[in-house]
Amino acid sequence: MRVHHLNCGTMRLPGARLVCHVLAVETGGGLLLVDTGFGTADIAEPARRTGAMRRVVRPAFDPRETALHQIRELGFRAEDVTHIVATHFDLDHIGGLADFPEAQVHVTAAEARGALSPATLLERGRYRRTQLSHRPRLVRHEPTGERWRGFAAARQLTSVDDGVVLVSMPGHTRGHAAVAVDAGGYWVLHCGDTFYHPGTLDGTPVPWSLRVQERLVAHDIRELRSSQARVAALRAAGTEELMVVCSHDPALFEAARARAATGGR
C-alpha cells in the first residue's frame, strides 16, 4: 500500500508548533484515511464546530490543509475515501469526517461510547457532537484477543485491508487506539495522541506547554504512561521496518514524509 503523509491542521501552543498528521493510504478497495484533522465545516464555522478549544490550540484553519483539498491534489475524489480509521474522537482528529460522508468510520467501541455517551466532565467537554451531526457510518471494534508487537489488544481490520491493524492504546482518551499500516517494506505505527513529542519516549526535553496539555486532557494518566512505556520500548528496539509517529510532532511528520518519498528507504 502506498502511504501519503498529510498535515491537516497546523496548531500552536506556547513554545510549540503542532501538526495534525493524517495518513492517506491507497488500498485495493479505495483510499483509507487515518484520522482527518480539521475539515471544511470547521473552517466555515469554527466557533460552533470547535468551541473554546480553538483559543487554546489556535488552528490555522487553512482550506489548503484539509484532507479533502490534499487528496484532490493527489488526484482523488471525496468518494474515493471508502474507510477512515480514527485514533480517537477529539475535535482535531475528526473534523474532516463530514467531508467524506460515504466512508465507513472505524473506531474502538470504547471511544464511541465515550464520545456519544460521555461519563465524565472531561469527556463532556472534549468531544464536539456537532462534528458528528452528519451521522457518520460508524464501525465499532473491540481490539481484544490478538497481539501485535507486544501489545495485548489489537484487531486486524481485514474489511479495510490485510495490512491495517487497530491497536488499543488507552489513556489519552477512554478508547484511544493506534493504527499500524503496512507501507510496503516497513510499517507505519500512527500512535495518535499517545505522545505529543518524541522526548516523551526517549527522555529528551519536551516543551512545557505539551507536558501541561498532556496531563490536563488525559482520561487516565496511569494508562497513558503505560501505553507510552510500551511504545518507547518498541521504538528503542530501532528496527528499520517500523516507523513510529504521532499526530502532532512536526519533526516526526517531516521524517515520515521524507521516507515515503524515497520508497521507504
C-alpha atoms as a PDB file:
ATOM      1  CA  MET A   1       0.000   0.000   0.000  1.00  0.00           C
ATOM      2  CA  ARG A   2       1.220   3.480  -0.800  1.00  0.00           C
ATOM      3  CA  VAL A   3       1.055   5.871   2.150  1.00  0.00           C
ATOM      4  CA  HIS A   4       0.831   9.670   1.876  1.00  0.00           C
ATOM      5  CA  HIS A   5       1.512  11.841   4.924  1.00  0.00           C
ATOM      6  CA  LEU A   6      -0.702  14.933   5.195  1.00  0.00           C
ATOM      7  CA  ASN A   7      -0.691  17.828   7.643  1.00  0.00           C
ATOM      8  CA  CYS A   8      -4.379  18.534   8.122  1.00  0.00           C
ATOM      9  CA  GLY A   9      -4.178  21.281  10.710  1.00  0.00           C
ATOM     10  CA  THR A  10      -1.292  23.435  11.862  1.00  0.00           C
ATOM     11  CA  MET A  11      -1.745  24.468  15.512  1.00  0.00           C
ATOM     12  CA  ARG A  12       0.258  26.426  18.075  1.00  0.00           C
ATOM     13  CA  LEU A  13       0.771  26.189  21.807  1.00  0.00           C
ATOM     14  CA  PRO A  14       3.234  28.431  23.666  1.00  0.00           C
ATOM     15  CA  GLY A  15       6.691  27.363  22.517  1.00  0.00           C
ATOM     16  CA  ALA A  16       5.417  24.588  20.258  1.00  0.00           C
ATOM     17  CA  ARG A  17       4.208  24.343  16.670  1.00  0.00           C
ATOM     18  CA  LEU A  18       1.981  21.323  16.044  1.00  0.00           C
ATOM     19  CA  VAL A  19       0.645  19.489  13.004  1.00  0.00           C
ATOM     20  CA  CYS A  20      -2.297  17.138  12.534  1.00  0.00           C
ATOM     21  CA  HIS A  21      -0.590  14.135  10.965  1.00  0.00           C
ATOM     22  CA  VAL A  22      -3.050  12.231   8.778  1.00  0.00           C
ATOM     23  CA  LEU A  23      -2.299   9.133   6.708  1.00  0.00           C
ATOM     24  CA  ALA A  24      -3.865   8.728   3.262  1.00  0.00           C
ATOM     25  CA  VAL A  25      -3.387   5.110   2.237  1.00  0.00           C
ATOM     26  CA  GLU A  26      -4.013   3.720  -1.231  1.00  0.00           C
ATOM     27  CA  THR A  27      -5.605   0.284  -0.783  1.00  0.00           C
ATOM     28  CA  GLY A  28      -7.118  -2.157  -3.247  1.00  0.00           C
ATOM     29  CA  GLY A  29     -10.605  -1.082  -2.154  1.00  0.00           C
ATOM     30  CA  GLY A  30     -10.154   2.676  -2.242  1.00  0.00           C
ATOM     31  CA  LEU A  31      -8.493   5.369  -0.184  1.00  0.00           C
ATOM     32  CA  LEU A  32      -8.108   4.964   3.574  1.00  0.00           C
ATOM     33  CA  LEU A  33      -7.576   7.883   5.933  1.00  0.00           C
ATOM     34  CA  VAL A  34      -6.123   7.526   9.411  1.00  0.00           C
ATOM     35  CA  ASP A  35      -7.726  10.490  11.219  1.00  0.00           C
ATOM     36  CA  THR A  36      -8.854  13.561   9.247  1.00  0.00           C
ATOM     37  CA  GLY A  37      -7.627  16.642  11.097  1.00  0.00           C
ATOM     38  CA  PHE A  38      -9.791  19.732  10.638  1.00  0.00           C
ATOM     39  CA  GLY A  39     -12.328  19.823   7.830  1.00  0.00           C
ATOM     40  CA  THR A  40     -14.060  22.336   5.616  1.00  0.00           C
ATOM     41  CA  ALA A  41     -17.007  22.714   8.012  1.00  0.00           C
ATOM     42  CA  ASP A  42     -14.633  23.571  10.875  1.00  0.00           C
ATOM     43  CA  ILE A  43     -13.173  26.362   8.762  1.00  0.00           C
ATOM     44  CA  ALA A  44     -16.617  27.654   7.801  1.00  0.00           C
ATOM     45  CA  GLU A  45     -17.971  27.609  11.376  1.00  0.00           C
ATOM     46  CA  PRO A  46     -15.034  27.493  13.797  1.00  0.00           C
ATOM     47  CA  ALA A  47     -16.919  28.677  16.871  1.00  0.00           C
ATOM     48  CA  ARG A  48     -19.783  26.202  16.539  1.00  0.00           C
ATOM     49  CA  ARG A  49     -17.626  23.280  15.463  1.00  0.00           C
ATOM     50  CA  THR A  50     -14.562  23.642  17.683  1.00  0.00           C
ATOM     51  CA  GLY A  51     -15.696  25.809  20.586  1.00  0.00           C
ATOM     52  CA  ALA A  52     -13.360  27.456  23.066  1.00  0.00           C
ATOM     53  CA  MET A  53     -10.582  24.942  22.439  1.00  0.00           C
ATOM     54  CA  ARG A  54      -9.663  26.862  19.281  1.00  0.00           C
ATOM     55  CA  ARG A  55      -8.449  29.655  21.572  1.00  0.00           C
ATOM     56  CA  VAL A  56      -6.019  27.226  23.211  1.00  0.00           C
ATOM     57  CA  VAL A  57      -4.534  25.344  20.236  1.00  0.00           C
ATOM     58  CA  ARG A  58      -5.015  28.184  17.691  1.00  0.00           C
ATOM     59  CA  PRO A  59      -5.623  26.188  14.499  1.00  0.00           C
ATOM     60  CA  ALA A  60      -4.622  27.816  11.218  1.00  0.00           C
ATOM     61  CA  PHE A  61      -7.975  26.846   9.645  1.00  0.00           C
ATOM     62  CA  ASP A  62      -6.357  26.863   6.215  1.00  0.00           C
ATOM     63  CA  PRO A  63      -8.557  25.298   3.494  1.00  0.00           C
ATOM     64  CA  ARG A  64      -5.411  24.029   1.758  1.00  0.00           C
ATOM     65  CA  GLU A  65      -4.630  21.888   4.805  1.00  0.00           C
ATOM     66  CA  THR A  66      -7.900  19.948   4.765  1.00  0.00           C
ATOM     67  CA  ALA A  67      -7.707  16.278   3.839  1.00  0.00           C
ATOM     68  CA  LEU A  68     -10.307  16.927   1.132  1.00  0.00           C
ATOM     69  CA  HIS A  69      -8.133  19.528  -0.596  1.00  0.00           C
ATOM     70  CA  GLN A  70      -4.979  17.437  -0.301  1.00  0.00           C
ATOM     71  CA  ILE A  71      -6.411  14.205  -1.654  1.00  0.00           C
ATOM     72  CA  ARG A  72      -7.771  16.149  -4.620  1.00  0.00           C
ATOM     73  CA  GLU A  73      -4.245  17.439  -5.184  1.00  0.00           C
ATOM     74  CA  LEU A  74      -3.176  13.768  -5.270  1.00  0.00           C
ATOM     75  CA  GLY A  75      -5.779  13.052  -7.946  1.00  0.00           C
ATOM     76  CA  PHE A  76      -8.527  11.509  -5.793  1.00  0.00           C
ATOM     77  CA  ARG A  77     -12.151  12.439  -5.184  1.00  0.00           C
ATOM     78  CA  ALA A  78     -14.033  12.541  -1.890  1.00  0.00           C
ATOM     79  CA  GLU A  79     -15.944   9.420  -2.991  1.00  0.00           C
ATOM     80  CA  ASP A  80     -12.646   7.526  -3.274  1.00  0.00           C
ATOM     81  CA  VAL A  81     -12.293   7.615   0.521  1.00  0.00           C
ATOM     82  CA  THR A  82     -14.013   4.376   1.479  1.00  0.00           C
ATOM     83  CA  HIS A  83     -12.688   3.962   5.023  1.00  0.00           C
ATOM     84  CA  ILE A  84     -11.496   6.226   7.824  1.00  0.00           C
ATOM     85  CA  VAL A  85      -9.846   4.842  10.952  1.00  0.00           C
ATOM     86  CA  ALA A  86      -9.927   7.257  13.886  1.00  0.00           C
ATOM     87  CA  THR A  87      -7.334   7.030  16.635  1.00  0.00           C
ATOM     88  CA  HIS A  88      -9.893   8.846  18.803  1.00  0.00           C
ATOM     89  CA  PHE A  89     -12.679  11.413  18.533  1.00  0.00           C
ATOM     90  CA  ASP A  90     -11.045  14.623  19.753  1.00  0.00           C
ATOM     91  CA  LEU A  91     -12.027  17.627  17.637  1.00  0.00           C
ATOM     92  CA  ASP A  92      -8.664  17.977  15.860  1.00  0.00           C
ATOM     93  CA  HIS A  93      -8.836  14.361  14.672  1.00  0.00           C
ATOM     94  CA  ILE A  94     -12.371  14.030  13.268  1.00  0.00           C
ATOM     95  CA  GLY A  95     -13.273  17.493  11.986  1.00  0.00           C
ATOM     96  CA  GLY A  96     -12.928  16.283   8.416  1.00  0.00           C
ATOM     97  CA  LEU A  97     -15.301  13.318   8.719  1.00  0.00           C
ATOM     98  CA  ALA A  98     -18.164  15.312   7.220  1.00  0.00           C
ATOM     99  CA  ASP A  99     -16.129  15.849   4.034  1.00  0.00           C
ATOM    100  CA  PHE A 100     -16.356  12.095   3.385  1.00  0.00           C
ATOM    101  CA  PRO A 101     -19.958  11.183   4.323  1.00  0.00           C
ATOM    102  CA  GLU A 102     -19.962   7.848   2.478  1.00  0.00           C
ATOM    103  CA  ALA A 103     -16.854   6.473   4.206  1.00  0.00           C
ATOM    104  CA  GLN A 104     -17.090   3.877   6.934  1.00  0.00           C
ATOM    105  CA  VAL A 105     -15.547   5.263  10.125  1.00  0.00           C
ATOM    106  CA  HIS A 106     -13.716   2.670  12.201  1.00  0.00           C
ATOM    107  CA  VAL A 107     -13.176   3.331  15.902  1.00  0.00           C
ATOM    108  CA  THR A 108     -12.931   1.354  19.127  1.00  0.00           C
ATOM    109  CA  ALA A 109     -16.246   0.662  20.806  1.00  0.00           C
ATOM    110  CA  ALA A 110     -14.938   2.294  23.994  1.00  0.00           C
ATOM    111  CA  GLU A 111     -14.125   5.528  22.149  1.00  0.00           C
ATOM    112  CA  ALA A 112     -17.555   5.627  20.512  1.00  0.00           C
ATOM    113  CA  ARG A 113     -19.159   5.217  23.946  1.00  0.00           C
ATOM    114  CA  GLY A 114     -17.047   7.999  25.395  1.00  0.00           C
ATOM    115  CA  ALA A 115     -17.925  10.407  22.592  1.00  0.00           C
ATOM    116  CA  LEU A 116     -21.626   9.565  22.271  1.00  0.00           C
ATOM    117  CA  SER A 117     -22.393   8.877  25.948  1.00  0.00           C
ATOM    118  CA  PRO A 118     -19.771  10.848  27.894  1.00  0.00           C
ATOM    119  CA  ALA A 119     -19.491   9.736  31.501  1.00  0.00           C
ATOM    120  CA  THR A 120     -17.054  12.285  32.935  1.00  0.00           C
ATOM    121  CA  LEU A 121     -16.716  16.054  32.981  1.00  0.00           C
ATOM    122  CA  LEU A 122     -13.602  15.775  30.804  1.00  0.00           C
ATOM    123  CA  GLU A 123     -15.441  13.680  28.210  1.00  0.00           C
ATOM    124  CA  ARG A 124     -18.385  16.072  28.152  1.00  0.00           C
ATOM    125  CA  GLY A 125     -16.012  18.939  27.463  1.00  0.00           C
ATOM    126  CA  ARG A 126     -13.638  17.414  24.942  1.00  0.00           C
ATOM    127  CA  TYR A 127     -15.977  15.913  22.336  1.00  0.00           C
ATOM    128  CA  ARG A 128     -17.837  18.115  19.850  1.00  0.00           C
ATOM    129  CA  ARG A 129     -21.119  16.465  18.896  1.00  0.00           C
ATOM    130  CA  THR A 130     -21.530  18.968  16.052  1.00  0.00           C
ATOM    131  CA  GLN A 131     -18.671  17.198  14.251  1.00  0.00           C
ATOM    132  CA  LEU A 132     -20.796  14.038  14.244  1.00  0.00           C
ATOM    133  CA  SER A 133     -24.092  15.691  13.311  1.00  0.00           C
ATOM    134  CA  HIS A 134     -23.897  14.319   9.770  1.00  0.00           C
ATOM    135  CA  ARG A 135     -24.300  10.824  11.298  1.00  0.00           C
ATOM    136  CA  PRO A 136     -21.125   9.093  10.119  1.00  0.00           C
ATOM    137  CA  ARG A 137     -21.254   5.377   9.346  1.00  0.00           C
ATOM    138  CA  LEU A 138     -19.532   4.140  12.492  1.00  0.00           C
ATOM    139  CA  VAL A 139     -17.990   0.681  12.637  1.00  0.00           C
ATOM    140  CA  ARG A 140     -17.138  -0.190  16.238  1.00  0.00           C
ATOM    141  CA  HIS A 141     -14.323  -2.584  17.054  1.00  0.00           C
ATOM    142  CA  GLU A 142     -13.265  -4.412  20.206  1.00  0.00           C
ATOM    143  CA  PRO A 143      -9.465  -4.772  19.821  1.00  0.00           C
ATOM    144  CA  THR A 144      -9.074  -7.825  22.041  1.00  0.00           C
ATOM    145  CA  GLY A 145      -7.697 -11.313  21.698  1.00  0.00           C
ATOM    146  CA  GLU A 146      -4.934 -10.549  19.225  1.00  0.00           C
ATOM    147  CA  ARG A 147      -1.363  -9.466  19.914  1.00  0.00           C
ATOM    148  CA  TRP A 148       0.688  -7.038  17.855  1.00  0.00           C
ATOM    149  CA  ARG A 149       4.378  -6.490  18.654  1.00  0.00           C
ATOM    150  CA  GLY A 150       3.910  -6.803  22.396  1.00  0.00           C
ATOM    151  CA  PHE A 151       0.543  -5.056  22.589  1.00  0.00           C
ATOM    152  CA  ALA A 152      -2.023  -7.442  24.006  1.00  0.00           C
ATOM    153  CA  ALA A 153      -5.140  -5.942  22.415  1.00  0.00           C
ATOM    154  CA  ALA A 154      -5.266  -5.468  18.660  1.00  0.00           C
ATOM    155  CA  ARG A 155      -7.599  -6.097  15.751  1.00  0.00           C
ATOM    156  CA  GLN A 156      -6.632  -6.627  12.122  1.00  0.00           C
ATOM    157  CA  LEU A 157      -9.093  -4.616  10.033  1.00  0.00           C
ATOM    158  CA  THR A 158      -9.482  -7.110   7.211  1.00  0.00           C
ATOM    159  CA  SER A 159     -12.581  -5.319   5.939  1.00  0.00           C
ATOM    160  CA  VAL A 160     -10.303  -2.372   5.174  1.00  0.00           C
ATOM    161  CA  ASP A 161      -7.119  -4.186   4.135  1.00  0.00           C
ATOM    162  CA  ASP A 162      -4.978  -7.022   5.457  1.00  0.00           C
ATOM    163  CA  GLY A 163      -2.217  -4.517   6.195  1.00  0.00           C
ATOM    164  CA  VAL A 164      -4.187  -2.371   8.662  1.00  0.00           C
ATOM    165  CA  VAL A 165      -4.232  -3.104  12.408  1.00  0.00           C
ATOM    166  CA  LEU A 166      -6.098  -1.245  15.170  1.00  0.00           C
ATOM    167  CA  VAL A 167      -4.016  -1.372  18.375  1.00  0.00           C
ATOM    168  CA  SER A 168      -5.568  -0.450  21.714  1.00  0.00           C
ATOM    169  CA  MET A 169      -3.571   2.345  23.443  1.00  0.00           C
ATOM    170  CA  PRO A 170      -5.868   3.823  26.086  1.00  0.00           C
ATOM    171  CA  GLY A 171      -5.034   6.668  28.392  1.00  0.00           C
ATOM    172  CA  HIS A 172      -5.316   9.860  26.378  1.00  0.00           C
ATOM    173  CA  THR A 173      -8.998   9.008  25.918  1.00  0.00           C
ATOM    174  CA  ARG A 174     -11.098   6.096  27.089  1.00  0.00           C
ATOM    175  CA  GLY A 175     -10.858   4.175  23.829  1.00  0.00           C
ATOM    176  CA  HIS A 176      -7.779   5.684  22.221  1.00  0.00           C
ATOM    177  CA  ALA A 177      -6.022   3.444  19.691  1.00  0.00           C
ATOM    178  CA  ALA A 178      -3.002   3.425  17.417  1.00  0.00           C
ATOM    179  CA  VAL A 179      -3.183   2.346  13.790  1.00  0.00           C
ATOM    180  CA  ALA A 180      -0.491   0.230  12.129  1.00  0.00           C
ATOM    181  CA  VAL A 181      -0.277   0.354   8.339  1.00  0.00           C
ATOM    182  CA  ASP A 182       1.866  -1.805   6.077  1.00  0.00           C
ATOM    183  CA  ALA A 183       3.612   0.730   3.838  1.00  0.00           C
ATOM    184  CA  GLY A 184       5.412  -1.882   1.760  1.00  0.00           C
ATOM    185  CA  GLY A 185       8.770  -2.885   3.165  1.00  0.00           C
ATOM    186  CA  TYR A 186       8.068  -1.232   6.512  1.00  0.00           C
ATOM    187  CA  TRP A 187       5.186  -0.486   8.866  1.00  0.00           C
ATOM    188  CA  VAL A 188       3.966   2.917   9.999  1.00  0.00           C
ATOM    189  CA  LEU A 189       2.617   2.895  13.554  1.00  0.00           C
ATOM    190  CA  HIS A 190       0.460   6.006  13.958  1.00  0.00           C
ATOM    191  CA  CYS A 191       0.160   6.454  17.720  1.00  0.00           C
ATOM    192  CA  GLY A 192      -2.323   9.317  17.659  1.00  0.00           C
ATOM    193  CA  ASP A 193      -2.021  11.292  20.893  1.00  0.00           C
ATOM    194  CA  THR A 194      -0.314   8.567  22.908  1.00  0.00           C
ATOM    195  CA  PHE A 195       2.551  11.059  22.913  1.00  0.00           C
ATOM    196  CA  TYR A 196       2.942  14.594  21.591  1.00  0.00           C
ATOM    197  CA  HIS A 197       6.732  14.790  21.355  1.00  0.00           C
ATOM    198  CA  PRO A 198       9.481  12.156  20.874  1.00  0.00           C
ATOM    199  CA  GLY A 199      11.097  13.353  24.087  1.00  0.00           C
ATOM    200  CA  THR A 200       8.311  11.594  25.968  1.00  0.00           C
ATOM    201  CA  LEU A 201       9.743   8.328  24.632  1.00  0.00           C
ATOM    202  CA  ASP A 202      13.484   8.959  24.666  1.00  0.00           C
ATOM    203  CA  GLY A 203      13.931  11.338  27.609  1.00  0.00           C
ATOM    204  CA  THR A 204      14.940  14.428  25.633  1.00  0.00           C
ATOM    205  CA  PRO A 205      13.373  17.778  26.652  1.00  0.00           C
ATOM    206  CA  VAL A 206       9.661  18.261  25.981  1.00  0.00           C
ATOM    207  CA  PRO A 207       8.198  21.788  25.764  1.00  0.00           C
ATOM    208  CA  TRP A 208       6.415  22.674  28.976  1.00  0.00           C
ATOM    209  CA  SER A 209       3.177  23.506  27.176  1.00  0.00           C
ATOM    210  CA  LEU A 210       2.993  19.976  25.773  1.00  0.00           C
ATOM    211  CA  ARG A 211       3.636  18.417  29.179  1.00  0.00           C
ATOM    212  CA  VAL A 212       0.851  20.508  30.707  1.00  0.00           C
ATOM    213  CA  GLN A 213      -1.562  19.813  27.850  1.00  0.00           C
ATOM    214  CA  GLU A 214      -0.897  16.076  28.017  1.00  0.00           C
ATOM    215  CA  ARG A 215      -1.696  15.957  31.729  1.00  0.00           C
ATOM    216  CA  LEU A 216      -4.773  18.186  31.550  1.00  0.00           C
ATOM    217  CA  VAL A 217      -6.551  16.163  28.855  1.00  0.00           C
ATOM    218  CA  ALA A 218      -5.529  12.628  29.875  1.00  0.00           C
ATOM    219  CA  HIS A 219      -8.522  10.402  30.564  1.00  0.00           C
ATOM    220  CA  ASP A 220      -6.345   8.091  32.704  1.00  0.00           C
ATOM    221  CA  ILE A 221      -2.767   9.226  33.246  1.00  0.00           C
ATOM    222  CA  ARG A 222      -1.589   5.844  34.536  1.00  0.00           C
ATOM    223  CA  GLU A 223      -2.928   4.073  31.468  1.00  0.00           C
ATOM    224  CA  LEU A 224      -1.325   6.742  29.301  1.00  0.00           C
ATOM    225  CA  ARG A 225       2.080   6.259  30.944  1.00  0.00           C
ATOM    226  CA  SER A 226       1.783   2.504  30.464  1.00  0.00           C
ATOM    227  CA  SER A 227       0.989   2.948  26.761  1.00  0.00           C
ATOM    228  CA  GLN A 228       3.900   5.353  26.390  1.00  0.00           C
ATOM    229  CA  ALA A 229       6.287   2.886  28.039  1.00  0.00           C
ATOM    230  CA  ARG A 230       5.317   0.139  25.591  1.00  0.00           C
ATOM    231  CA  VAL A 231       5.736   2.446  22.595  1.00  0.00           C
ATOM    232  CA  ALA A 232       9.094   3.646  23.944  1.00  0.00           C
ATOM    233  CA  ALA A 233      10.352   0.074  24.246  1.00  0.00           C
ATOM    234  CA  LEU A 234       9.191  -0.708  20.729  1.00  0.00           C
ATOM    235  CA  ARG A 235      10.854   2.408  19.308  1.00  0.00           C
ATOM    236  CA  ALA A 236      14.074   1.802  21.261  1.00  0.00           C
ATOM    237  CA  ALA A 237      14.440  -1.561  19.535  1.00  0.00           C
ATOM    238  CA  GLY A 238      15.400   0.506  16.500  1.00  0.00           C
ATOM    239  CA  THR A 239      14.032  -1.817  13.853  1.00  0.00           C
ATOM    240  CA  GLU A 240      14.190  -0.327  10.362  1.00  0.00           C
ATOM    241  CA  GLU A 241      10.945  -1.932   9.300  1.00  0.00           C
ATOM    242  CA  LEU A 242       8.868   0.045  11.795  1.00  0.00           C
ATOM    243  CA  MET A 243       8.360   3.820  11.835  1.00  0.00           C
ATOM    244  CA  VAL A 244       6.663   5.245  14.942  1.00  0.00           C
ATOM    245  CA  VAL A 245       4.838   8.554  14.501  1.00  0.00           C
ATOM    246  CA  CYS A 246       2.305  10.566  16.460  1.00  0.00           C
ATOM    247  CA  SER A 247      -0.345  13.079  15.490  1.00  0.00           C
ATOM    248  CA  HIS A 248       1.250  16.377  16.371  1.00  0.00           C
ATOM    249  CA  ASP A 249       5.050  16.389  16.206  1.00  0.00           C
ATOM    250  CA  PRO A 250       6.258  18.251  13.079  1.00  0.00           C
ATOM    251  CA  ALA A 251       9.716  16.632  13.033  1.00  0.00           C
ATOM    252  CA  LEU A 252       8.290  13.096  13.011  1.00  0.00           C
ATOM    253  CA  PHE A 253       5.815  14.173  10.340  1.00  0.00           C
ATOM    254  CA  GLU A 254       8.571  15.514   8.083  1.00  0.00           C
ATOM    255  CA  ALA A 255      10.711  12.406   8.623  1.00  0.00           C
ATOM    256  CA  ALA A 256       7.783  10.167   7.689  1.00  0.00           C
ATOM    257  CA  ARG A 257       7.012  12.204   4.584  1.00  0.00           C
ATOM    258  CA  ALA A 258      10.658  12.127   3.514  1.00  0.00           C
ATOM    259  CA  ARG A 259      10.872   8.364   3.959  1.00  0.00           C
ATOM    260  CA  ALA A 260       7.697   7.821   1.956  1.00  0.00           C
ATOM    261  CA  ALA A 261       9.117   9.971  -0.840  1.00  0.00           C
ATOM    262  CA  THR A 262      12.127   7.645  -1.125  1.00  0.00           C
ATOM    263  CA  GLY A 263      10.025   4.494  -1.192  1.00  0.00           C
ATOM    264  CA  GLY A 264      10.705   3.625   2.436  1.00  0.00           C
ATOM    265  CA  ARG A 265      14.493   3.629   2.305  1.00  0.00           C
END
